[in-house]
Amino acid sequence: MNEYLNKTDLTRGIRAEVLDTLTRGDDQVCLHAISEACSEVAGYLSARYDIAEELKKTASDERVALVVKIVREVALFNIYNFSSPVNMPETRQKAYDNTIAFLRNVQSEKASIVGLSRLNTDPSGNVQSSYIAYGGNEKRQNHF
């Protein structure tokens, strides 16, 4: 089974010895965490981007660097969550929270990922958004 990331990719975000300690040397834990991370990221990006095509890529030079980073952050969070959720460093939790916030911004078209092919693109290359903005002004406090 070809995975989007491998253990070597994970060690770019965490020391190899820490990763081995967390997984107890079991590479299946890494594969499981990567698989779940890919599914989670695809859930956020599949409405706007052809993320399925991106997640099929395994060669380093073909993948979009930002997507690699996003999947890696989610996978490392998953590994900590599997093995040691009580001892998870604050920085790991913060990195995961920031990653999810970014994915939500991409999903609502407040941010984008350069290099991924967009869905809803016409033949001339113009993006046809299906995003509908709604809301209103903030409630005012006019009383004394």
C-alpha atoms as a PDB file:
ATOM      1  CA  MET A   1       0.000   0.000   0.000  1.00  0.00           C
ATOM      2  CA  ASN A   2       1.516   3.327  -1.065  1.00  0.00           C
ATOM      3  CA  GLU A   3       1.126   6.061   1.490  1.00  0.00           C
ATOM      4  CA  TYR A   4       1.340   9.778   0.859  1.00  0.00           C
ATOM      5  CA  LEU A   5       3.914  10.107   3.649  1.00  0.00           C
ATOM      6  CA  ASN A   6       6.370   7.654   5.150  1.00  0.00           C
ATOM      7  CA  LYS A   7       8.302   7.441   8.392  1.00  0.00           C
ATOM      8  CA  THR A   8      11.164   9.502   6.944  1.00  0.00           C
ATOM      9  CA  ASP A   9       8.722  12.313   6.164  1.00  0.00           C
ATOM     10  CA  LEU A  10       7.505  12.217   9.755  1.00  0.00           C
ATOM     11  CA  THR A  11      11.044  12.626  11.091  1.00  0.00           C
ATOM     12  CA  ARG A  12      11.173  16.057   9.449  1.00  0.00           C
ATOM     13  CA  GLY A  13       8.711  17.180  12.126  1.00  0.00           C
ATOM     14  CA  ILE A  14       9.953  15.178  15.110  1.00  0.00           C
ATOM     15  CA  ARG A  15      13.209  13.553  16.151  1.00  0.00           C
ATOM     16  CA  ALA A  16      13.535   9.936  15.022  1.00  0.00           C
ATOM     17  CA  GLU A  17      14.269   8.683  18.535  1.00  0.00           C
ATOM     18  CA  VAL A  18      11.153  10.408  19.910  1.00  0.00           C
ATOM     19  CA  LEU A  19       9.073   8.917  17.107  1.00  0.00           C
ATOM     20  CA  ASP A  20      10.482   5.444  17.837  1.00  0.00           C
ATOM     21  CA  THR A  21       9.689   5.885  21.531  1.00  0.00           C
ATOM     22  CA  LEU A  22       6.118   6.957  20.828  1.00  0.00           C
ATOM     23  CA  THR A  23       5.485   4.142  18.357  1.00  0.00           C
ATOM     24  CA  ARG A  24       7.577   1.595  20.312  1.00  0.00           C
ATOM     25  CA  GLY A  25       9.328   0.821  17.043  1.00  0.00           C
ATOM     26  CA  ASP A  26       6.105  -0.300  15.346  1.00  0.00           C
ATOM     27  CA  ASP A  27       5.930   1.187  11.851  1.00  0.00           C
ATOM     28  CA  GLN A  28       2.263   0.167  11.613  1.00  0.00           C
ATOM     29  CA  VAL A  29       1.455   2.914  14.118  1.00  0.00           C
ATOM     30  CA  CYS A  30       3.007   5.445  11.739  1.00  0.00           C
ATOM     31  CA  LEU A  31       1.094   4.048   8.768  1.00  0.00           C
ATOM     32  CA  HIS A  32      -2.173   4.100  10.697  1.00  0.00           C
ATOM     33  CA  ALA A  33      -1.597   7.709  11.831  1.00  0.00           C
ATOM     34  CA  ILE A  34      -0.730   8.790   8.277  1.00  0.00           C
ATOM     35  CA  SER A  35      -3.813   7.071   6.876  1.00  0.00           C
ATOM     36  CA  GLU A  36      -6.072   8.805   9.396  1.00  0.00           C
ATOM     37  CA  ALA A  37      -4.360  12.134   8.746  1.00  0.00           C
ATOM     38  CA  CYS A  38      -4.905  11.801   4.993  1.00  0.00           C
ATOM     39  CA  SER A  39      -8.596  11.075   5.580  1.00  0.00           C
ATOM     40  CA  GLU A  40      -8.966  14.048   7.912  1.00  0.00           C
ATOM     41  CA  VAL A  41      -7.234  16.456   5.531  1.00  0.00           C
ATOM     42  CA  ALA A  42      -9.252  15.119   2.594  1.00  0.00           C
ATOM     43  CA  GLY A  43     -12.427  15.792   4.559  1.00  0.00           C
ATOM     44  CA  TYR A  44     -11.563  19.482   4.727  1.00  0.00           C
ATOM     45  CA  LEU A  45     -10.170  19.929   1.219  1.00  0.00           C
ATOM     46  CA  SER A  46     -12.274  17.635  -0.982  1.00  0.00           C
ATOM     47  CA  ALA A  47     -15.010  20.226  -1.575  1.00  0.00           C
ATOM     48  CA  ARG A  48     -12.566  22.730  -3.131  1.00  0.00           C
ATOM     49  CA  TYR A  49      -9.569  20.750  -4.406  1.00  0.00           C
ATOM     50  CA  ASP A  50      -8.806  17.494  -6.172  1.00  0.00           C
ATOM     51  CA  ILE A  51      -7.154  16.202  -3.003  1.00  0.00           C
ATOM     52  CA  ALA A  52      -7.656  12.545  -3.949  1.00  0.00           C
ATOM     53  CA  GLU A  53      -5.259  13.003  -6.857  1.00  0.00           C
ATOM     54  CA  GLU A  54      -2.714  14.715  -4.593  1.00  0.00           C
ATOM     55  CA  LEU A  55      -2.874  11.966  -1.958  1.00  0.00           C
ATOM     56  CA  LYS A  56      -2.024   9.334  -4.597  1.00  0.00           C
ATOM     57  CA  LYS A  57       1.417  10.890  -5.102  1.00  0.00           C
ATOM     58  CA  THR A  58       4.351   9.308  -3.301  1.00  0.00           C
ATOM     59  CA  ALA A  59       7.398  10.915  -4.918  1.00  0.00           C
ATOM     60  CA  SER A  60       8.807  13.852  -2.938  1.00  0.00           C
ATOM     61  CA  ASP A  61       9.224  16.108  -5.951  1.00  0.00           C
ATOM     62  CA  GLU A  62       5.600  15.634  -7.105  1.00  0.00           C
ATOM     63  CA  ARG A  63       3.836  16.445  -3.840  1.00  0.00           C
ATOM     64  CA  VAL A  64       2.673  19.919  -2.797  1.00  0.00           C
ATOM     65  CA  ALA A  65       4.909  20.964   0.110  1.00  0.00           C
ATOM     66  CA  LEU A  66       2.134  22.640   2.097  1.00  0.00           C
ATOM     67  CA  VAL A  67      -0.098  19.559   1.899  1.00  0.00           C
ATOM     68  CA  VAL A  68       2.839  17.400   3.038  1.00  0.00           C
ATOM     69  CA  LYS A  69       3.306  19.693   6.039  1.00  0.00           C
ATOM     70  CA  ILE A  70      -0.412  19.647   6.884  1.00  0.00           C
ATOM     71  CA  VAL A  71      -0.673  15.851   6.683  1.00  0.00           C
ATOM     72  CA  ARG A  72       2.559  15.491   8.710  1.00  0.00           C
ATOM     73  CA  GLU A  73       1.280  17.770  11.499  1.00  0.00           C
ATOM     74  CA  VAL A  74      -2.007  15.874  11.730  1.00  0.00           C
ATOM     75  CA  ALA A  75      -0.211  12.493  11.629  1.00  0.00           C
ATOM     76  CA  LEU A  76       2.195  13.487  14.417  1.00  0.00           C
ATOM     77  CA  PHE A  77      -0.731  14.687  16.517  1.00  0.00           C
ATOM     78  CA  ASN A  78      -2.409  11.316  15.894  1.00  0.00           C
ATOM     79  CA  ILE A  79       0.707   9.435  16.985  1.00  0.00           C
ATOM     80  CA  TYR A  80       0.860  11.370  20.243  1.00  0.00           C
ATOM     81  CA  ASN A  81      -2.866  10.869  20.692  1.00  0.00           C
ATOM     82  CA  PHE A  82      -2.517   7.079  20.210  1.00  0.00           C
ATOM     83  CA  SER A  83       0.431   6.591  22.514  1.00  0.00           C
ATOM     84  CA  SER A  84       0.642   9.380  25.065  1.00  0.00           C
ATOM     85  CA  PRO A  85      -2.236  11.862  25.015  1.00  0.00           C
ATOM     86  CA  VAL A  86      -1.595  12.947  28.605  1.00  0.00           C
ATOM     87  CA  ASN A  87       2.039  13.836  27.887  1.00  0.00           C
ATOM     88  CA  MET A  88       1.432  15.627  24.585  1.00  0.00           C
ATOM     89  CA  PRO A  89       3.568  18.768  24.372  1.00  0.00           C
ATOM     90  CA  GLU A  90       1.692  22.061  24.189  1.00  0.00           C
ATOM     91  CA  THR A  91       3.543  22.892  20.996  1.00  0.00           C
ATOM     92  CA  ARG A  92       2.191  19.753  19.298  1.00  0.00           C
ATOM     93  CA  GLN A  93      -1.382  20.576  20.354  1.00  0.00           C
ATOM     94  CA  LYS A  94      -0.935  24.190  19.203  1.00  0.00           C
ATOM     95  CA  ALA A  95       0.495  23.079  15.834  1.00  0.00           C
ATOM     96  CA  TYR A  96      -2.500  20.778  15.329  1.00  0.00           C
ATOM     97  CA  ASP A  97      -4.965  23.519  16.288  1.00  0.00           C
ATOM     98  CA  ASN A  98      -3.281  25.949  13.886  1.00  0.00           C
ATOM     99  CA  THR A  99      -3.355  23.345  11.104  1.00  0.00           C
ATOM    100  CA  ILE A 100      -7.077  22.704  11.583  1.00  0.00           C
ATOM    101  CA  ALA A 101      -7.761  26.456  11.685  1.00  0.00           C
ATOM    102  CA  PHE A 102      -5.890  26.838   8.388  1.00  0.00           C
ATOM    103  CA  LEU A 103      -7.859  23.951   6.841  1.00  0.00           C
ATOM    104  CA  ARG A 104     -11.104  25.623   7.916  1.00  0.00           C
ATOM    105  CA  ASN A 105      -9.950  28.871   6.306  1.00  0.00           C
ATOM    106  CA  VAL A 106      -9.172  27.015   3.087  1.00  0.00           C
ATOM    107  CA  GLN A 107     -12.539  25.314   3.243  1.00  0.00           C
ATOM    108  CA  SER A 108     -14.325  28.674   3.575  1.00  0.00           C
ATOM    109  CA  GLU A 109     -12.107  30.213   0.857  1.00  0.00           C
ATOM    110  CA  LYS A 110     -10.362  32.635   3.200  1.00  0.00           C
ATOM    111  CA  ALA A 111      -7.074  30.932   2.283  1.00  0.00           C
ATOM    112  CA  SER A 112      -5.860  28.733  -0.558  1.00  0.00           C
ATOM    113  CA  ILE A 113      -3.229  26.129  -1.313  1.00  0.00           C
ATOM    114  CA  VAL A 114      -1.102  26.946  -4.325  1.00  0.00           C
ATOM    115  CA  GLY A 115      -0.256  23.916  -6.424  1.00  0.00           C
ATOM    116  CA  LEU A 116      -3.439  21.912  -5.871  1.00  0.00           C
ATOM    117  CA  SER A 117      -5.851  21.698  -8.762  1.00  0.00           C
ATOM    118  CA  ARG A 118      -9.147  23.351  -7.944  1.00  0.00           C
ATOM    119  CA  LEU A 119     -12.505  21.815  -8.577  1.00  0.00           C
ATOM    120  CA  ASN A 120     -15.111  24.097 -10.199  1.00  0.00           C
ATOM    121  CA  THR A 121     -12.612  25.558 -12.674  1.00  0.00           C
ATOM    122  CA  ASP A 122     -13.874  26.445 -16.144  1.00  0.00           C
ATOM    123  CA  PRO A 123     -11.817  25.746 -19.313  1.00  0.00           C
ATOM    124  CA  SER A 124     -10.354  29.274 -19.307  1.00  0.00           C
ATOM    125  CA  GLY A 125      -8.900  28.734 -15.820  1.00  0.00           C
ATOM    126  CA  ASN A 126     -11.365  30.879 -13.870  1.00  0.00           C
ATOM    127  CA  VAL A 127     -12.474  29.457 -10.548  1.00  0.00           C
ATOM    128  CA  GLN A 128     -16.221  29.262 -10.154  1.00  0.00           C
ATOM    129  CA  SER A 129     -16.788  29.400  -6.421  1.00  0.00           C
ATOM    130  CA  SER A 130     -19.747  27.769  -4.753  1.00  0.00           C
ATOM    131  CA  TYR A 131     -19.037  29.589  -1.504  1.00  0.00           C
ATOM    132  CA  ILE A 132     -21.884  31.749  -0.220  1.00  0.00           C
ATOM    133  CA  ALA A 133     -21.091  34.368   2.405  1.00  0.00           C
ATOM    134  CA  TYR A 134     -23.764  35.067   4.971  1.00  0.00           C
ATOM    135  CA  GLY A 135     -24.068  36.989   8.188  1.00  0.00           C
ATOM    136  CA  GLY A 136     -24.647  40.510   9.302  1.00  0.00           C
ATOM    137  CA  ASN A 137     -23.288  43.327  11.370  1.00  0.00           C
ATOM    138  CA  GLU A 138     -22.337  42.816  14.990  1.00  0.00           C
ATOM    139  CA  LYS A 139     -25.044  43.592  17.499  1.00  0.00           C
ATOM    140  CA  ARG A 140     -24.699  47.102  18.865  1.00  0.00           C
ATOM    141  CA  GLN A 141     -25.036  48.065  22.500  1.00  0.00           C
ATOM    142  CA  ASN A 142     -26.886  51.415  22.267  1.00  0.00           C
ATOM    143  CA  HIS A 143     -28.462  51.526  25.705  1.00  0.00           C
ATOM    144  CA  PHE A 144     -27.108  53.240  28.813  1.00  0.00           C
END
